[in-house]
Amino acid sequence: MKKWLCGVCGYIHDGEQAPEACPKCGAPMEKFSEIPAEKSALIDRSRKTNQIYMEISALLEQVRELSEIGRDDDLDPPCVALFKKAIVYSVELQQGIKAELASHMGKGKWG
C-alpha cells in the first residue's frame, strides 16, 4: 500500500492517494508527497518492530509488578534477591525500549 507524508507535520497516511486533509494538522492534500516504495517498506518493518517493543514493555511491567509482590512477601533471602533482580532488569529493559522507540521516532521510523 502506498504511503504519503504530510510536509507540514510529518503525519504518514496509508492509502492509494493522499487524504483530502491531514488528520493531524489539517493541511490540504497538496502538502502530501508519496513516500518511495523502499522507504515505505522500511516503515512497515519499523511498525512491526515498534509493536513488538510495546508488547514486550507491557510484559515487563507485569514482571515488575509481580516481582514487587514477591519481594514484599519476603519469604526468604534468596527469593527476595531474585525478585529484586527481576525488578531491576525489567526496569532497565523498559528504559532501553523507550530509548530505542525515541530513536525510531527521531529517524522518522515510527510511521
PDB file of N, CA and C in Angstrom:
ATOM      1  N   MET A   1       0.834  -1.168   0.000  1.00  0.00           N
ATOM      2  CA  MET A   1       0.000   0.000   0.000  1.00  0.00           C
ATOM      3  C   MET A   1       0.889   1.246   0.000  1.00  0.00           C
ATOM      4  N   LYS A   2       0.485   2.253  -0.734  1.00  0.00           N
ATOM      5  CA  LYS A   2       1.246   3.498  -0.803  1.00  0.00           C
ATOM      6  C   LYS A   2       1.177   4.232   0.531  1.00  0.00           C
ATOM      7  N   LYS A   3       2.213   5.026   0.745  1.00  0.00           N
ATOM      8  CA  LYS A   3       2.274   5.862   1.936  1.00  0.00           C
ATOM      9  C   LYS A   3       2.527   7.300   1.494  1.00  0.00           C
ATOM     10  N   TRP A   4       1.926   8.225   2.237  1.00  0.00           N
ATOM     11  CA  TRP A   4       2.010   9.645   1.915  1.00  0.00           C
ATOM     12  C   TRP A   4       2.460  10.410   3.149  1.00  0.00           C
ATOM     13  N   LEU A   5       3.388  11.337   2.964  1.00  0.00           N
ATOM     14  CA  LEU A   5       3.953  12.125   4.058  1.00  0.00           C
ATOM     15  C   LEU A   5       3.429  13.544   4.013  1.00  0.00           C
ATOM     16  N   CYS A   6       2.877  13.998   5.135  1.00  0.00           N
ATOM     17  CA  CYS A   6       2.441  15.392   5.231  1.00  0.00           C
ATOM     18  C   CYS A   6       3.687  16.264   5.380  1.00  0.00           C
ATOM     19  N   GLY A   7       3.848  17.201   4.471  1.00  0.00           N
ATOM     20  CA  GLY A   7       5.008  18.086   4.506  1.00  0.00           C
ATOM     21  C   GLY A   7       4.943  19.125   5.606  1.00  0.00           C
ATOM     22  N   VAL A   8       3.809  19.244   6.270  1.00  0.00           N
ATOM     23  CA  VAL A   8       3.656  20.232   7.337  1.00  0.00           C
ATOM     24  C   VAL A   8       4.002  19.621   8.701  1.00  0.00           C
ATOM     25  N   CYS A   9       3.398  18.466   9.006  1.00  0.00           N
ATOM     26  CA  CYS A   9       3.570  17.913  10.361  1.00  0.00           C
ATOM     27  C   CYS A   9       4.263  16.555  10.408  1.00  0.00           C
ATOM     28  N   GLY A  10       4.476  15.906   9.257  1.00  0.00           N
ATOM     29  CA  GLY A  10       5.153  14.614   9.237  1.00  0.00           C
ATOM     30  C   GLY A  10       4.245  13.405   9.382  1.00  0.00           C
ATOM     31  N   TYR A  11       2.941  13.637   9.430  1.00  0.00           N
ATOM     32  CA  TYR A  11       1.982  12.525   9.515  1.00  0.00           C
ATOM     33  C   TYR A  11       2.142  11.614   8.300  1.00  0.00           C
ATOM     34  N   ILE A  12       2.066  10.290   8.511  1.00  0.00           N
ATOM     35  CA  ILE A  12       2.155   9.322   7.423  1.00  0.00           C
ATOM     36  C   ILE A  12       0.783   8.700   7.219  1.00  0.00           C
ATOM     37  N   HIS A  13       0.301   8.794   5.995  1.00  0.00           N
ATOM     38  CA  HIS A  13      -1.013   8.246   5.630  1.00  0.00           C
ATOM     39  C   HIS A  13      -0.822   7.035   4.727  1.00  0.00           C
ATOM     40  N   ASP A  14      -1.561   5.964   5.011  1.00  0.00           N
ATOM     41  CA  ASP A  14      -1.557   4.773   4.167  1.00  0.00           C
ATOM     42  C   ASP A  14      -2.791   4.827   3.275  1.00  0.00           C
ATOM     43  N   GLY A  15      -2.607   4.679   1.973  1.00  0.00           N
ATOM     44  CA  GLY A  15      -3.743   4.678   1.062  1.00  0.00           C
ATOM     45  C   GLY A  15      -3.289   4.856  -0.374  1.00  0.00           C
ATOM     46  N   GLU A  16      -4.194   4.648  -1.288  1.00  0.00           N
ATOM     47  CA  GLU A  16      -3.858   4.783  -2.705  1.00  0.00           C
ATOM     48  C   GLU A  16      -3.605   6.235  -3.104  1.00  0.00           C
ATOM     49  N   GLN A  17      -4.159   7.163  -2.317  1.00  0.00           N
ATOM     50  CA  GLN A  17      -3.895   8.581  -2.565  1.00  0.00           C
ATOM     51  C   GLN A  17      -3.826   9.303  -1.233  1.00  0.00           C
ATOM     52  N   ALA A  18      -3.282  10.488  -1.254  1.00  0.00           N
ATOM     53  CA  ALA A  18      -3.203  11.294  -0.039  1.00  0.00           C
ATOM     54  C   ALA A  18      -4.613  11.677   0.402  1.00  0.00           C
ATOM     55  N   PRO A  19      -4.808  11.921   1.694  1.00  0.00           N
ATOM     56  CA  PRO A  19      -6.134  12.329   2.155  1.00  0.00           C
ATOM     57  C   PRO A  19      -6.448  13.761   1.714  1.00  0.00           C
ATOM     58  N   GLU A  20      -7.721  14.099   1.705  1.00  0.00           N
ATOM     59  CA  GLU A  20      -8.145  15.459   1.342  1.00  0.00           C
ATOM     60  C   GLU A  20      -7.511  16.488   2.271  1.00  0.00           C
ATOM     61  N   ALA A  21      -7.416  16.127   3.540  1.00  0.00           N
ATOM     62  CA  ALA A  21      -6.788  16.990   4.547  1.00  0.00           C
ATOM     63  C   ALA A  21      -6.065  16.094   5.545  1.00  0.00           C
ATOM     64  N   CYS A  22      -4.978  16.587   6.073  1.00  0.00           N
ATOM     65  CA  CYS A  22      -4.208  15.823   7.054  1.00  0.00           C
ATOM     66  C   CYS A  22      -5.042  15.637   8.323  1.00  0.00           C
ATOM     67  N   PRO A  23      -5.191  14.406   8.780  1.00  0.00           N
ATOM     68  CA  PRO A  23      -5.950  14.153  10.003  1.00  0.00           C
ATOM     69  C   PRO A  23      -5.316  14.786  11.242  1.00  0.00           C
ATOM     70  N   LYS A  24      -4.015  15.044  11.178  1.00  0.00           N
ATOM     71  CA  LYS A  24      -3.324  15.597  12.341  1.00  0.00           C
ATOM     72  C   LYS A  24      -3.351  17.120  12.358  1.00  0.00           C
ATOM     73  N   CYS A  25      -2.966  17.743  11.234  1.00  0.00           N
ATOM     74  CA  CYS A  25      -2.809  19.204  11.236  1.00  0.00           C
ATOM     75  C   CYS A  25      -3.777  19.939  10.313  1.00  0.00           C
ATOM     76  N   GLY A  26      -4.511  19.192   9.481  1.00  0.00           N
ATOM     77  CA  GLY A  26      -5.475  19.820   8.594  1.00  0.00           C
ATOM     78  C   GLY A  26      -4.907  20.344   7.287  1.00  0.00           C
ATOM     79  N   ALA A  27      -3.624  20.106   7.028  1.00  0.00           N
ATOM     80  CA  ALA A  27      -3.010  20.575   5.780  1.00  0.00           C
ATOM     81  C   ALA A  27      -3.720  19.952   4.577  1.00  0.00           C
ATOM     82  N   PRO A  28      -3.814  20.683   3.471  1.00  0.00           N
ATOM     83  CA  PRO A  28      -4.505  20.155   2.295  1.00  0.00           C
ATOM     84  C   PRO A  28      -3.696  19.055   1.601  1.00  0.00           C
ATOM     85  N   MET A  29      -4.374  18.307   0.743  1.00  0.00           N
ATOM     86  CA  MET A  29      -3.789  17.190   0.006  1.00  0.00           C
ATOM     87  C   MET A  29      -2.491  17.589  -0.698  1.00  0.00           C
ATOM     88  N   GLU A  30      -2.433  18.806  -1.196  1.00  0.00           N
ATOM     89  CA  GLU A  30      -1.258  19.256  -1.955  1.00  0.00           C
ATOM     90  C   GLU A  30       0.024  19.260  -1.125  1.00  0.00           C
ATOM     91  N   LYS A  31      -0.107  19.241   0.189  1.00  0.00           N
ATOM     92  CA  LYS A  31       1.071  19.262   1.072  1.00  0.00           C
ATOM     93  C   LYS A  31       1.649  17.864   1.288  1.00  0.00           C
ATOM     94  N   PHE A  32       0.982  16.840   0.740  1.00  0.00           N
ATOM     95  CA  PHE A  32       1.466  15.462   0.889  1.00  0.00           C
ATOM     96  C   PHE A  32       2.349  15.075  -0.280  1.00  0.00           C
ATOM     97  N   SER A  33       3.359  14.262   0.024  1.00  0.00           N
ATOM     98  CA  SER A  33       4.189  13.683  -1.040  1.00  0.00           C
ATOM     99  C   SER A  33       4.222  12.173  -0.836  1.00  0.00           C
ATOM    100  N   GLU A  34       4.287  11.447  -1.946  1.00  0.00           N
ATOM    101  CA  GLU A  34       4.323   9.994  -1.858  1.00  0.00           C
ATOM    102  C   GLU A  34       5.687   9.551  -1.347  1.00  0.00           C
ATOM    103  N   ILE A  35       5.673   8.608  -0.439  1.00  0.00           N
ATOM    104  CA  ILE A  35       6.907   8.053   0.110  1.00  0.00           C
ATOM    105  C   ILE A  35       7.375   6.956  -0.840  1.00  0.00           C
ATOM    106  N   PRO A  36       8.655   6.969  -1.223  1.00  0.00           N
ATOM    107  CA  PRO A  36       9.162   5.925  -2.129  1.00  0.00           C
ATOM    108  C   PRO A  36       8.957   4.520  -1.553  1.00  0.00           C
ATOM    109  N   ALA A  37       8.795   3.547  -2.445  1.00  0.00           N
ATOM    110  CA  ALA A  37       8.492   2.164  -2.059  1.00  0.00           C
ATOM    111  C   ALA A  37       9.513   1.595  -1.071  1.00  0.00           C
ATOM    112  N   GLU A  38      10.789   1.878  -1.279  1.00  0.00           N
ATOM    113  CA  GLU A  38      11.831   1.341  -0.390  1.00  0.00           C
ATOM    114  C   GLU A  38      11.657   1.870   1.034  1.00  0.00           C
ATOM    115  N   LYS A  39      11.410   3.177   1.157  1.00  0.00           N
ATOM    116  CA  LYS A  39      11.208   3.761   2.483  1.00  0.00           C
ATOM    117  C   LYS A  39       9.876   3.287   3.070  1.00  0.00           C
ATOM    118  N   SER A  40       8.876   3.089   2.246  1.00  0.00           N
ATOM    119  CA  SER A  40       7.586   2.581   2.696  1.00  0.00           C
ATOM    120  C   SER A  40       7.746   1.193   3.321  1.00  0.00           C
ATOM    121  N   ALA A  41       8.556   0.354   2.691  1.00  0.00           N
ATOM    122  CA  ALA A  41       8.811  -0.992   3.224  1.00  0.00           C
ATOM    123  C   ALA A  41       9.523  -0.907   4.571  1.00  0.00           C
ATOM    124  N   LEU A  42      10.445   0.037   4.713  1.00  0.00           N
ATOM    125  CA  LEU A  42      11.145   0.237   5.982  1.00  0.00           C
ATOM    126  C   LEU A  42      10.164   0.698   7.067  1.00  0.00           C
ATOM    127  N   ILE A  43       9.226   1.544   6.716  1.00  0.00           N
ATOM    128  CA  ILE A  43       8.216   1.995   7.672  1.00  0.00           C
ATOM    129  C   ILE A  43       7.381   0.807   8.144  1.00  0.00           C
ATOM    130  N   ASP A  44       6.989  -0.065   7.224  1.00  0.00           N
ATOM    131  CA  ASP A  44       6.223  -1.254   7.607  1.00  0.00           C
ATOM    132  C   ASP A  44       7.011  -2.132   8.572  1.00  0.00           C
ATOM    133  N   ARG A  45       8.279  -2.343   8.286  1.00  0.00           N
ATOM    134  CA  ARG A  45       9.126  -3.150   9.174  1.00  0.00           C
ATOM    135  C   ARG A  45       9.278  -2.477  10.530  1.00  0.00           C
ATOM    136  N   SER A  46       9.448  -1.161  10.532  1.00  0.00           N
ATOM    137  CA  SER A  46       9.587  -0.430  11.790  1.00  0.00           C
ATOM    138  C   SER A  46       8.314  -0.498  12.613  1.00  0.00           C
ATOM    139  N   ARG A  47       7.172  -0.421  11.951  1.00  0.00           N
ATOM    140  CA  ARG A  47       5.904  -0.532  12.669  1.00  0.00           C
ATOM    141  C   ARG A  47       5.816  -1.881  13.383  1.00  0.00           C
ATOM    142  N   LYS A  48       6.246  -2.930  12.698  1.00  0.00           N
ATOM    143  CA  LYS A  48       6.223  -4.269  13.295  1.00  0.00           C
ATOM    144  C   LYS A  48       7.140  -4.328  14.514  1.00  0.00           C
ATOM    145  N   THR A  49       8.354  -3.841  14.364  1.00  0.00           N
ATOM    146  CA  THR A  49       9.314  -3.841  15.472  1.00  0.00           C
ATOM    147  C   THR A  49       8.810  -2.991  16.625  1.00  0.00           C
ATOM    148  N   ASN A  50       8.270  -1.821  16.320  1.00  0.00           N
ATOM    149  CA  ASN A  50       7.754  -0.949  17.374  1.00  0.00           C
ATOM    150  C   ASN A  50       6.621  -1.623  18.145  1.00  0.00           C
ATOM    151  N   GLN A  51       5.759  -2.346  17.446  1.00  0.00           N
ATOM    152  CA  GLN A  51       4.670  -3.062  18.115  1.00  0.00           C
ATOM    153  C   GLN A  51       5.228  -4.147  19.024  1.00  0.00           C
ATOM    154  N   ILE A  52       6.242  -4.848  18.562  1.00  0.00           N
ATOM    155  CA  ILE A  52       6.875  -5.883  19.400  1.00  0.00           C
ATOM    156  C   ILE A  52       7.441  -5.241  20.660  1.00  0.00           C
ATOM    157  N   TYR A  53       8.124  -4.114  20.498  1.00  0.00           N
ATOM    158  CA  TYR A  53       8.672  -3.408  21.667  1.00  0.00           C
ATOM    159  C   TYR A  53       7.568  -3.027  22.649  1.00  0.00           C
ATOM    160  N   MET A  54       6.446  -2.541  22.149  1.00  0.00           N
ATOM    161  CA  MET A  54       5.354  -2.126  23.027  1.00  0.00           C
ATOM    162  C   MET A  54       4.801  -3.325  23.801  1.00  0.00           C
ATOM    163  N   GLU A  55       4.672  -4.459  23.135  1.00  0.00           N
ATOM    164  CA  GLU A  55       4.158  -5.657  23.799  1.00  0.00           C
ATOM    165  C   GLU A  55       5.149  -6.182  24.837  1.00  0.00           C
ATOM    166  N   ILE A  56       6.440  -6.170  24.508  1.00  0.00           N
ATOM    167  CA  ILE A  56       7.455  -6.605  25.471  1.00  0.00           C
ATOM    168  C   ILE A  56       7.457  -5.678  26.685  1.00  0.00           C
ATOM    169  N   SER A  57       7.338  -4.380  26.444  1.00  0.00           N
ATOM    170  CA  SER A  57       7.313  -3.427  27.546  1.00  0.00           C
ATOM    171  C   SER A  57       6.131  -3.690  28.484  1.00  0.00           C
ATOM    172  N   ALA A  58       4.977  -4.012  27.917  1.00  0.00           N
ATOM    173  CA  ALA A  58       3.800  -4.327  28.741  1.00  0.00           C
ATOM    174  C   ALA A  58       4.049  -5.587  29.576  1.00  0.00           C
ATOM    175  N   LEU A  59       4.685  -6.586  28.981  1.00  0.00           N
ATOM    176  CA  LEU A  59       5.008  -7.806  29.727  1.00  0.00           C
ATOM    177  C   LEU A  59       6.023  -7.515  30.837  1.00  0.00           C
ATOM    178  N   LEU A  60       6.997  -6.668  30.541  1.00  0.00           N
ATOM    179  CA  LEU A  60       7.992  -6.310  31.556  1.00  0.00           C
ATOM    180  C   LEU A  60       7.344  -5.562  32.721  1.00  0.00           C
ATOM    181  N   GLU A  61       6.317  -4.786  32.433  1.00  0.00           N
ATOM    182  CA  GLU A  61       5.588  -4.109  33.508  1.00  0.00           C
ATOM    183  C   GLU A  61       4.926  -5.143  34.417  1.00  0.00           C
ATOM    184  N   GLN A  62       4.389  -6.191  33.829  1.00  0.00           N
ATOM    185  CA  GLN A  62       3.792  -7.268  34.631  1.00  0.00           C
ATOM    186  C   GLN A  62       4.853  -7.976  35.460  1.00  0.00           C
ATOM    187  N   VAL A  63       6.038  -8.210  34.863  1.00  0.00           N
ATOM    188  CA  VAL A  63       7.138  -8.851  35.593  1.00  0.00           C
ATOM    189  C   VAL A  63       7.523  -7.992  36.794  1.00  0.00           C
ATOM    190  N   ARG A  64       7.624  -6.683  36.570  1.00  0.00           N
ATOM    191  CA  ARG A  64       7.995  -5.785  37.669  1.00  0.00           C
ATOM    192  C   ARG A  64       6.955  -5.822  38.782  1.00  0.00           C
ATOM    193  N   GLU A  65       5.675  -5.735  38.421  1.00  0.00           N
ATOM    194  CA  GLU A  65       4.603  -5.746  39.425  1.00  0.00           C
ATOM    195  C   GLU A  65       4.589  -7.058  40.218  1.00  0.00           C
ATOM    196  N   LEU A  66       4.704  -8.180  39.523  1.00  0.00           N
ATOM    197  CA  LEU A  66       4.718  -9.468  40.212  1.00  0.00           C
ATOM    198  C   LEU A  66       5.946  -9.611  41.105  1.00  0.00           C
ATOM    199  N   SER A  67       7.074  -9.122  40.619  1.00  0.00           N
ATOM    200  CA  SER A  67       8.307  -9.204  41.403  1.00  0.00           C
ATOM    201  C   SER A  67       8.226  -8.351  42.660  1.00  0.00           C
ATOM    202  N   GLU A  68       7.551  -7.218  42.575  1.00  0.00           N
ATOM    203  CA  GLU A  68       7.368  -6.391  43.767  1.00  0.00           C
ATOM    204  C   GLU A  68       6.502  -7.112  44.804  1.00  0.00           C
ATOM    205  N   ILE A  69       5.490  -7.818  44.337  1.00  0.00           N
ATOM    206  CA  ILE A  69       4.650  -8.605  45.245  1.00  0.00           C
ATOM    207  C   ILE A  69       5.493  -9.690  45.922  1.00  0.00           C
ATOM    208  N   GLY A  70       6.288 -10.392  45.120  1.00  0.00           N
ATOM    209  CA  GLY A  70       7.150 -11.434  45.665  1.00  0.00           C
ATOM    210  C   GLY A  70       8.174 -10.883  46.637  1.00  0.00           C
ATOM    211  N   ARG A  71       8.770  -9.748  46.284  1.00  0.00           N
ATOM    212  CA  ARG A  71       9.746  -9.114  47.188  1.00  0.00           C
ATOM    213  C   ARG A  71       9.089  -8.751  48.516  1.00  0.00           C
ATOM    214  N   ASP A  72       7.902  -8.146  48.427  1.00  0.00           N
ATOM    215  CA  ASP A  72       7.209  -7.697  49.636  1.00  0.00           C
ATOM    216  C   ASP A  72       6.732  -8.866  50.504  1.00  0.00           C
ATOM    217  N   ASP A  73       6.533 -10.031  49.894  1.00  0.00           N
ATOM    218  CA  ASP A  73       6.141 -11.217  50.658  1.00  0.00           C
ATOM    219  C   ASP A  73       7.270 -11.667  51.569  1.00  0.00           C
ATOM    220  N   ASP A  74       8.511 -11.421  51.142  1.00  0.00           N
ATOM    221  CA  ASP A  74       9.695 -11.620  51.986  1.00  0.00           C
ATOM    222  C   ASP A  74       9.792 -13.045  52.544  1.00  0.00           C
ATOM    223  N   LEU A  75       9.619 -14.039  51.647  1.00  0.00           N
ATOM    224  CA  LEU A  75       9.659 -15.436  52.093  1.00  0.00           C
ATOM    225  C   LEU A  75      11.024 -15.808  52.667  1.00  0.00           C
ATOM    226  N   ASP A  76      12.070 -15.602  51.900  1.00  0.00           N
ATOM    227  CA  ASP A  76      13.427 -15.865  52.385  1.00  0.00           C
ATOM    228  C   ASP A  76      14.409 -15.064  51.539  1.00  0.00           C
ATOM    229  N   PRO A  77      15.640 -14.876  52.001  1.00  0.00           N
ATOM    230  CA  PRO A  77      16.607 -14.014  51.303  1.00  0.00           C
ATOM    231  C   PRO A  77      16.860 -14.379  49.834  1.00  0.00           C
ATOM    232  N   PRO A  78      17.015 -15.676  49.456  1.00  0.00           N
ATOM    233  CA  PRO A  78      17.236 -15.965  48.042  1.00  0.00           C
ATOM    234  C   PRO A  78      16.048 -15.552  47.160  1.00  0.00           C
ATOM    235  N   CYS A  79      14.834 -15.758  47.661  1.00  0.00           N
ATOM    236  CA  CYS A  79      13.656 -15.345  46.889  1.00  0.00           C
ATOM    237  C   CYS A  79      13.622 -13.829  46.729  1.00  0.00           C
ATOM    238  N   VAL A  80      13.850 -13.131  47.813  1.00  0.00           N
ATOM    239  CA  VAL A  80      13.834 -11.663  47.776  1.00  0.00           C
ATOM    240  C   VAL A  80      14.907 -11.156  46.821  1.00  0.00           C
ATOM    241  N   ALA A  81      16.083 -11.753  46.865  1.00  0.00           N
ATOM    242  CA  ALA A  81      17.173 -11.326  45.975  1.00  0.00           C
ATOM    243  C   ALA A  81      16.798 -11.526  44.512  1.00  0.00           C
ATOM    244  N   LEU A  82      16.177 -12.637  44.195  1.00  0.00           N
ATOM    245  CA  LEU A  82      15.777 -12.903  42.816  1.00  0.00           C
ATOM    246  C   LEU A  82      14.690 -11.926  42.359  1.00  0.00           C
ATOM    247  N   PHE A  83      13.723 -11.666  43.228  1.00  0.00           N
ATOM    248  CA  PHE A  83      12.678 -10.705  42.879  1.00  0.00           C
ATOM    249  C   PHE A  83      13.269  -9.309  42.671  1.00  0.00           C
ATOM    250  N   LYS A  84      14.234  -8.933  43.496  1.00  0.00           N
ATOM    251  CA  LYS A  84      14.873  -7.617  43.348  1.00  0.00           C
ATOM    252  C   LYS A  84      15.609  -7.518  42.009  1.00  0.00           C
ATOM    253  N   LYS A  85      16.288  -8.596  41.625  1.00  0.00           N
ATOM    254  CA  LYS A  85      16.958  -8.612  40.316  1.00  0.00           C
ATOM    255  C   LYS A  85      15.952  -8.469  39.186  1.00  0.00           C
ATOM    256  N   ALA A  86      14.833  -9.172  39.295  1.00  0.00           N
ATOM    257  CA  ALA A  86      13.804  -9.102  38.257  1.00  0.00           C
ATOM    258  C   ALA A  86      13.269  -7.678  38.133  1.00  0.00           C
ATOM    259  N   ILE A  87      13.115  -6.993  39.254  1.00  0.00           N
ATOM    260  CA  ILE A  87      12.654  -5.596  39.219  1.00  0.00           C
ATOM    261  C   ILE A  87      13.663  -4.739  38.479  1.00  0.00           C
ATOM    262  N   VAL A  88      14.919  -4.856  38.843  1.00  0.00           N
ATOM    263  CA  VAL A  88      15.973  -4.041  38.214  1.00  0.00           C
ATOM    264  C   VAL A  88      16.059  -4.336  36.721  1.00  0.00           C
ATOM    265  N   TYR A  89      16.087  -5.604  36.351  1.00  0.00           N
ATOM    266  CA  TYR A  89      16.223  -5.969  34.939  1.00  0.00           C
ATOM    267  C   TYR A  89      15.016  -5.513  34.117  1.00  0.00           C
ATOM    268  N   SER A  90      13.825  -5.667  34.666  1.00  0.00           N
ATOM    269  CA  SER A  90      12.640  -5.266  33.904  1.00  0.00           C
ATOM    270  C   SER A  90      12.618  -3.759  33.687  1.00  0.00           C
ATOM    271  N   VAL A  91      13.001  -2.992  34.697  1.00  0.00           N
ATOM    272  CA  VAL A  91      13.043  -1.530  34.548  1.00  0.00           C
ATOM    273  C   VAL A  91      14.116  -1.134  33.535  1.00  0.00           C
ATOM    274  N   GLU A  92      15.291  -1.758  33.621  1.00  0.00           N
ATOM    275  CA  GLU A  92      16.366  -1.443  32.672  1.00  0.00           C
ATOM    276  C   GLU A  92      15.945  -1.752  31.236  1.00  0.00           C
ATOM    277  N   LEU A  93      15.314  -2.885  31.022  1.00  0.00           N
ATOM    278  CA  LEU A  93      14.869  -3.240  29.679  1.00  0.00           C
ATOM    279  C   LEU A  93      13.786  -2.286  29.184  1.00  0.00           C
ATOM    280  N   GLN A  94      12.868  -1.905  30.047  1.00  0.00           N
ATOM    281  CA  GLN A  94      11.837  -0.941  29.646  1.00  0.00           C
ATOM    282  C   GLN A  94      12.469   0.395  29.254  1.00  0.00           C
ATOM    283  N   GLN A  95      13.452   0.829  30.003  1.00  0.00           N
ATOM    284  CA  GLN A  95      14.126   2.091  29.686  1.00  0.00           C
ATOM    285  C   GLN A  95      14.850   1.978  28.338  1.00  0.00           C
ATOM    286  N   GLY A  96      15.465   0.833  28.084  1.00  0.00           N
ATOM    287  CA  GLY A  96      16.117   0.612  26.796  1.00  0.00           C
ATOM    288  C   GLY A  96      15.122   0.637  25.648  1.00  0.00           C
ATOM    289  N   ILE A  97      13.967   0.044  25.866  1.00  0.00           N
ATOM    290  CA  ILE A  97      12.923   0.057  24.838  1.00  0.00           C
ATOM    291  C   ILE A  97      12.461   1.481  24.576  1.00  0.00           C
ATOM    292  N   LYS A  98      12.236   2.250  25.630  1.00  0.00           N
ATOM    293  CA  LYS A  98      11.819   3.648  25.464  1.00  0.00           C
ATOM    294  C   LYS A  98      12.855   4.432  24.664  1.00  0.00           C
ATOM    295  N   ALA A  99      14.124   4.216  24.966  1.00  0.00           N
ATOM    296  CA  ALA A  99      15.184   4.917  24.242  1.00  0.00           C
ATOM    297  C   ALA A  99      15.202   4.518  22.768  1.00  0.00           C
ATOM    298  N   GLU A 100      15.009   3.242  22.495  1.00  0.00           N
ATOM    299  CA  GLU A 100      15.013   2.771  21.107  1.00  0.00           C
ATOM    300  C   GLU A 100      13.814   3.323  20.344  1.00  0.00           C
ATOM    301  N   LEU A 101      12.646   3.351  20.982  1.00  0.00           N
ATOM    302  CA  LEU A 101      11.470   3.928  20.331  1.00  0.00           C
ATOM    303  C   LEU A 101      11.666   5.415  20.068  1.00  0.00           C
ATOM    304  N   ALA A 102      12.285   6.123  21.009  1.00  0.00           N
ATOM    305  CA  ALA A 102      12.568   7.547  20.804  1.00  0.00           C
ATOM    306  C   ALA A 102      13.520   7.721  19.616  1.00  0.00           C
ATOM    307  N   SER A 103      14.498   6.828  19.506  1.00  0.00           N
ATOM    308  CA  SER A 103      15.415   6.859  18.367  1.00  0.00           C
ATOM    309  C   SER A 103      14.663   6.635  17.061  1.00  0.00           C
ATOM    310  N   HIS A 104      13.747   5.675  17.052  1.00  0.00           N
ATOM    311  CA  HIS A 104      12.943   5.411  15.849  1.00  0.00           C
ATOM    312  C   HIS A 104      12.128   6.648  15.468  1.00  0.00           C
ATOM    313  N   MET A 105      11.526   7.279  16.464  1.00  0.00           N
ATOM    314  CA  MET A 105      10.721   8.469  16.175  1.00  0.00           C
ATOM    315  C   MET A 105      11.595   9.594  15.600  1.00  0.00           C
ATOM    316  N   GLY A 106      12.792   9.742  16.164  1.00  0.00           N
ATOM    317  CA  GLY A 106      13.704  10.771  15.697  1.00  0.00           C
ATOM    318  C   GLY A 106      14.177  10.539  14.273  1.00  0.00           C
ATOM    319  N   LYS A 107      14.187   9.282  13.847  1.00  0.00           N
ATOM    320  CA  LYS A 107      14.609   8.927  12.499  1.00  0.00           C
ATOM    321  C   LYS A 107      13.437   8.798  11.530  1.00  0.00           C
ATOM    322  N   GLY A 108      12.231   9.119  12.026  1.00  0.00           N
ATOM    323  CA  GLY A 108      11.056   9.001  11.172  1.00  0.00           C
ATOM    324  C   GLY A 108      10.646   7.566  10.931  1.00  0.00           C
ATOM    325  N   LYS A 109      11.014   6.664  11.847  1.00  0.00           N
ATOM    326  CA  LYS A 109      10.710   5.239  11.669  1.00  0.00           C
ATOM    327  C   LYS A 109       9.508   4.809  12.493  1.00  0.00           C
ATOM    328  N   TRP A 110       8.758   5.760  13.016  1.00  0.00           N
ATOM    329  CA  TRP A 110       7.594   5.387  13.815  1.00  0.00           C
ATOM    330  C   TRP A 110       6.463   4.981  12.896  1.00  0.00           C
ATOM    331  N   GLY A 111       6.161   5.844  11.946  1.00  0.00           N
ATOM    332  CA  GLY A 111       5.193   5.582  10.902  1.00  0.00           C
ATOM    333  C   GLY A 111       3.856   5.199  11.375  1.00  0.00           C
TER     334      GLY A 111
END
